[in-house]
Amino acid sequence: MKNIINIIQLVIAVILIVLILIQNRGAGLGGIFGGGGDGNVYRTKRGAERILFIATIVLATLFLGISLVNFVL
């Protein structure tokens, strides 16, 4: 049982890393220092960007839950 939990935790961790890297790819170096060239200070997430954002939150929560279960066992 513990091996299955470890494998699930590993798979979720890899998927979570990939999702985070995909999200950060579009930020660019100018966004780090506050130089967003298009003038939009506040913008909403739409389409695929929103799906990636929500999936990241869900997977992070799942990872935390599985980590706690793994710790208890």
N, C-alpha and C. Protein backbone atom coordinates (compact mmCIF):
# COMPACT_ATOMS: atom_id res chain seq x y z
N MET A 1 0.82 -1.20 0.00
CA MET A 1 0.00 0.00 0.00
C MET A 1 0.86 1.27 0.00
N LYS A 2 1.93 1.23 0.81
CA LYS A 2 2.79 2.41 0.90
C LYS A 2 3.51 2.67 -0.43
N ASN A 3 3.87 1.59 -1.15
CA ASN A 3 4.52 1.77 -2.46
C ASN A 3 3.61 2.45 -3.45
N ILE A 4 2.32 2.11 -3.42
CA ILE A 4 1.37 2.73 -4.33
C ILE A 4 1.23 4.21 -4.02
N ILE A 5 1.18 4.56 -2.75
CA ILE A 5 1.08 5.96 -2.35
C ILE A 5 2.33 6.73 -2.78
N ASN A 6 3.49 6.11 -2.64
CA ASN A 6 4.74 6.76 -3.06
C ASN A 6 4.76 7.00 -4.56
N ILE A 7 4.28 6.04 -5.34
CA ILE A 7 4.25 6.20 -6.80
C ILE A 7 3.28 7.30 -7.20
N ILE A 8 2.11 7.32 -6.57
CA ILE A 8 1.12 8.37 -6.86
C ILE A 8 1.68 9.74 -6.51
N GLN A 9 2.36 9.82 -5.38
CA GLN A 9 2.96 11.09 -4.95
C GLN A 9 4.04 11.54 -5.94
N LEU A 10 4.83 10.63 -6.43
CA LEU A 10 5.87 10.96 -7.40
C LEU A 10 5.27 11.45 -8.71
N VAL A 11 4.23 10.77 -9.19
CA VAL A 11 3.59 11.18 -10.44
C VAL A 11 2.97 12.57 -10.30
N ILE A 12 2.29 12.82 -9.19
CA ILE A 12 1.69 14.14 -8.97
C ILE A 12 2.76 15.21 -8.88
N ALA A 13 3.88 14.90 -8.24
CA ALA A 13 4.97 15.88 -8.13
C ALA A 13 5.53 16.25 -9.49
N VAL A 14 5.72 15.26 -10.36
CA VAL A 14 6.26 15.53 -11.70
C VAL A 14 5.27 16.36 -12.51
N ILE A 15 3.98 16.01 -12.45
CA ILE A 15 2.97 16.77 -13.19
C ILE A 15 2.88 18.19 -12.65
N LEU A 16 2.98 18.36 -11.35
CA LEU A 16 2.93 19.68 -10.73
C LEU A 16 4.12 20.54 -11.17
N ILE A 17 5.29 19.95 -11.23
CA ILE A 17 6.47 20.68 -11.70
C ILE A 17 6.30 21.14 -13.14
N VAL A 18 5.79 20.25 -13.98
CA VAL A 18 5.57 20.60 -15.39
C VAL A 18 4.56 21.73 -15.52
N LEU A 19 3.46 21.67 -14.77
CA LEU A 19 2.45 22.73 -14.83
C LEU A 19 3.02 24.08 -14.39
N ILE A 20 3.82 24.07 -13.35
CA ILE A 20 4.41 25.33 -12.88
C ILE A 20 5.38 25.89 -13.91
N LEU A 21 6.17 25.03 -14.53
CA LEU A 21 7.11 25.50 -15.56
C LEU A 21 6.39 26.04 -16.78
N ILE A 22 5.28 25.43 -17.16
CA ILE A 22 4.51 25.92 -18.30
C ILE A 22 3.94 27.30 -17.99
N GLN A 23 3.47 27.51 -16.77
CA GLN A 23 2.91 28.81 -16.41
C GLN A 23 3.97 29.90 -16.40
N ASN A 24 5.15 29.60 -15.93
CA ASN A 24 6.21 30.62 -15.82
C ASN A 24 6.87 30.93 -17.15
N ARG A 25 6.72 30.09 -18.14
CA ARG A 25 7.37 30.30 -19.42
C ARG A 25 6.91 31.60 -20.09
N GLY A 26 5.65 31.96 -19.95
CA GLY A 26 5.12 33.16 -20.60
C GLY A 26 5.41 34.45 -19.86
N ALA A 27 5.96 34.39 -18.66
CA ALA A 27 6.15 35.59 -17.86
C ALA A 27 7.25 36.48 -18.44
N GLY A 28 8.34 35.92 -18.88
CA GLY A 28 9.43 36.71 -19.42
C GLY A 28 10.23 37.41 -18.35
N LEU A 29 11.39 37.92 -18.71
CA LEU A 29 12.26 38.58 -17.75
C LEU A 29 11.75 39.96 -17.38
N GLY A 30 11.07 40.64 -18.29
CA GLY A 30 10.56 41.98 -17.99
C GLY A 30 9.51 41.98 -16.91
N GLY A 31 8.72 40.92 -16.82
CA GLY A 31 7.68 40.84 -15.81
C GLY A 31 8.22 40.69 -14.40
N ILE A 32 9.45 40.19 -14.29
CA ILE A 32 10.04 40.00 -12.96
C ILE A 32 10.32 41.35 -12.30
N PHE A 33 10.78 42.30 -13.09
CA PHE A 33 11.16 43.59 -12.54
C PHE A 33 10.05 44.62 -12.69
N GLY A 34 8.86 44.21 -13.07
CA GLY A 34 7.74 45.14 -13.14
C GLY A 34 7.61 45.85 -14.46
N GLY A 35 8.36 45.48 -15.44
CA GLY A 35 8.29 46.15 -16.73
C GLY A 35 7.40 45.42 -17.72
N GLY A 36 6.12 45.41 -17.47
CA GLY A 36 5.19 44.79 -18.41
C GLY A 36 4.90 45.74 -19.55
N GLY A 37 5.44 45.53 -20.70
CA GLY A 37 5.40 46.46 -21.81
C GLY A 37 4.03 46.78 -22.36
N ASP A 38 3.01 45.96 -22.12
CA ASP A 38 1.71 46.21 -22.71
C ASP A 38 0.83 47.14 -21.88
N GLY A 39 1.24 47.52 -20.70
CA GLY A 39 0.51 48.48 -19.90
C GLY A 39 -0.60 47.88 -19.04
N ASN A 40 -0.86 46.60 -19.16
CA ASN A 40 -1.89 45.97 -18.34
C ASN A 40 -1.30 45.56 -17.00
N VAL A 41 -1.70 46.29 -15.97
CA VAL A 41 -1.21 45.96 -14.64
C VAL A 41 -1.99 44.79 -14.08
N TYR A 42 -3.31 44.87 -14.18
CA TYR A 42 -4.18 43.79 -13.70
C TYR A 42 -4.82 43.13 -14.91
N ARG A 43 -4.69 41.83 -14.99
CA ARG A 43 -5.37 41.13 -16.07
C ARG A 43 -5.89 39.81 -15.55
N THR A 44 -6.94 39.35 -16.15
CA THR A 44 -7.56 38.11 -15.69
C THR A 44 -7.04 36.93 -16.50
N LYS A 45 -7.08 35.78 -15.88
CA LYS A 45 -6.66 34.56 -16.55
C LYS A 45 -7.84 34.05 -17.37
N ARG A 46 -7.57 33.67 -18.60
CA ARG A 46 -8.62 33.17 -19.47
C ARG A 46 -8.15 31.94 -20.20
N GLY A 47 -9.08 31.11 -20.57
CA GLY A 47 -8.81 29.95 -21.40
C GLY A 47 -7.87 28.95 -20.76
N ALA A 48 -6.85 28.58 -21.53
CA ALA A 48 -5.91 27.55 -21.09
C ALA A 48 -5.11 28.00 -19.87
N GLU A 49 -4.83 29.29 -19.78
CA GLU A 49 -4.07 29.80 -18.64
C GLU A 49 -4.85 29.58 -17.34
N ARG A 50 -6.15 29.77 -17.39
CA ARG A 50 -6.99 29.57 -16.20
C ARG A 50 -7.07 28.09 -15.84
N ILE A 51 -7.18 27.23 -16.86
CA ILE A 51 -7.23 25.79 -16.61
C ILE A 51 -5.93 25.31 -15.97
N LEU A 52 -4.79 25.80 -16.46
CA LEU A 52 -3.50 25.44 -15.86
C LEU A 52 -3.40 25.92 -14.42
N PHE A 53 -3.91 27.11 -14.16
CA PHE A 53 -3.86 27.68 -12.82
C PHE A 53 -4.69 26.85 -11.85
N ILE A 54 -5.91 26.51 -12.25
CA ILE A 54 -6.79 25.71 -11.39
C ILE A 54 -6.23 24.30 -11.20
N ALA A 55 -5.69 23.71 -12.28
CA ALA A 55 -5.10 22.37 -12.18
C ALA A 55 -3.91 22.37 -11.23
N THR A 56 -3.14 23.45 -11.23
CA THR A 56 -2.00 23.55 -10.32
C THR A 56 -2.46 23.58 -8.87
N ILE A 57 -3.52 24.33 -8.60
CA ILE A 57 -4.05 24.40 -7.24
C ILE A 57 -4.58 23.04 -6.79
N VAL A 58 -5.32 22.36 -7.68
CA VAL A 58 -5.89 21.06 -7.35
C VAL A 58 -4.78 20.04 -7.09
N LEU A 59 -3.77 20.01 -7.97
CA LEU A 59 -2.68 19.05 -7.80
C LEU A 59 -1.85 19.35 -6.55
N ALA A 60 -1.65 20.62 -6.23
CA ALA A 60 -0.90 20.97 -5.02
C ALA A 60 -1.65 20.51 -3.78
N THR A 61 -2.97 20.67 -3.79
CA THR A 61 -3.79 20.22 -2.66
C THR A 61 -3.75 18.70 -2.55
N LEU A 62 -3.85 18.02 -3.69
CA LEU A 62 -3.78 16.56 -3.71
C LEU A 62 -2.43 16.09 -3.20
N PHE A 63 -1.37 16.75 -3.63
CA PHE A 63 -0.02 16.38 -3.20
C PHE A 63 0.12 16.53 -1.68
N LEU A 64 -0.42 17.62 -1.15
CA LEU A 64 -0.37 17.84 0.30
C LEU A 64 -1.14 16.75 1.03
N GLY A 65 -2.32 16.42 0.53
CA GLY A 65 -3.12 15.39 1.17
C GLY A 65 -2.44 14.02 1.15
N ILE A 66 -1.88 13.67 0.01
CA ILE A 66 -1.19 12.38 -0.11
C ILE A 66 0.06 12.36 0.75
N SER A 67 0.73 13.50 0.87
CA SER A 67 1.91 13.57 1.74
C SER A 67 1.54 13.34 3.19
N LEU A 68 0.41 13.91 3.61
CA LEU A 68 -0.04 13.69 4.99
C LEU A 68 -0.44 12.24 5.23
N VAL A 69 -1.11 11.62 4.25
CA VAL A 69 -1.47 10.21 4.37
C VAL A 69 -0.22 9.36 4.44
N ASN A 70 0.76 9.68 3.61
CA ASN A 70 2.03 8.94 3.59
C ASN A 70 2.75 9.09 4.94
N PHE A 71 2.66 10.27 5.53
CA PHE A 71 3.30 10.49 6.82
C PHE A 71 2.63 9.69 7.93
N VAL A 72 1.32 9.61 7.89
CA VAL A 72 0.57 8.87 8.92
C VAL A 72 0.86 7.36 8.82
N LEU A 73 0.95 6.87 7.58
CA LEU A 73 1.22 5.45 7.41
C LEU A 73 2.67 5.16 7.72
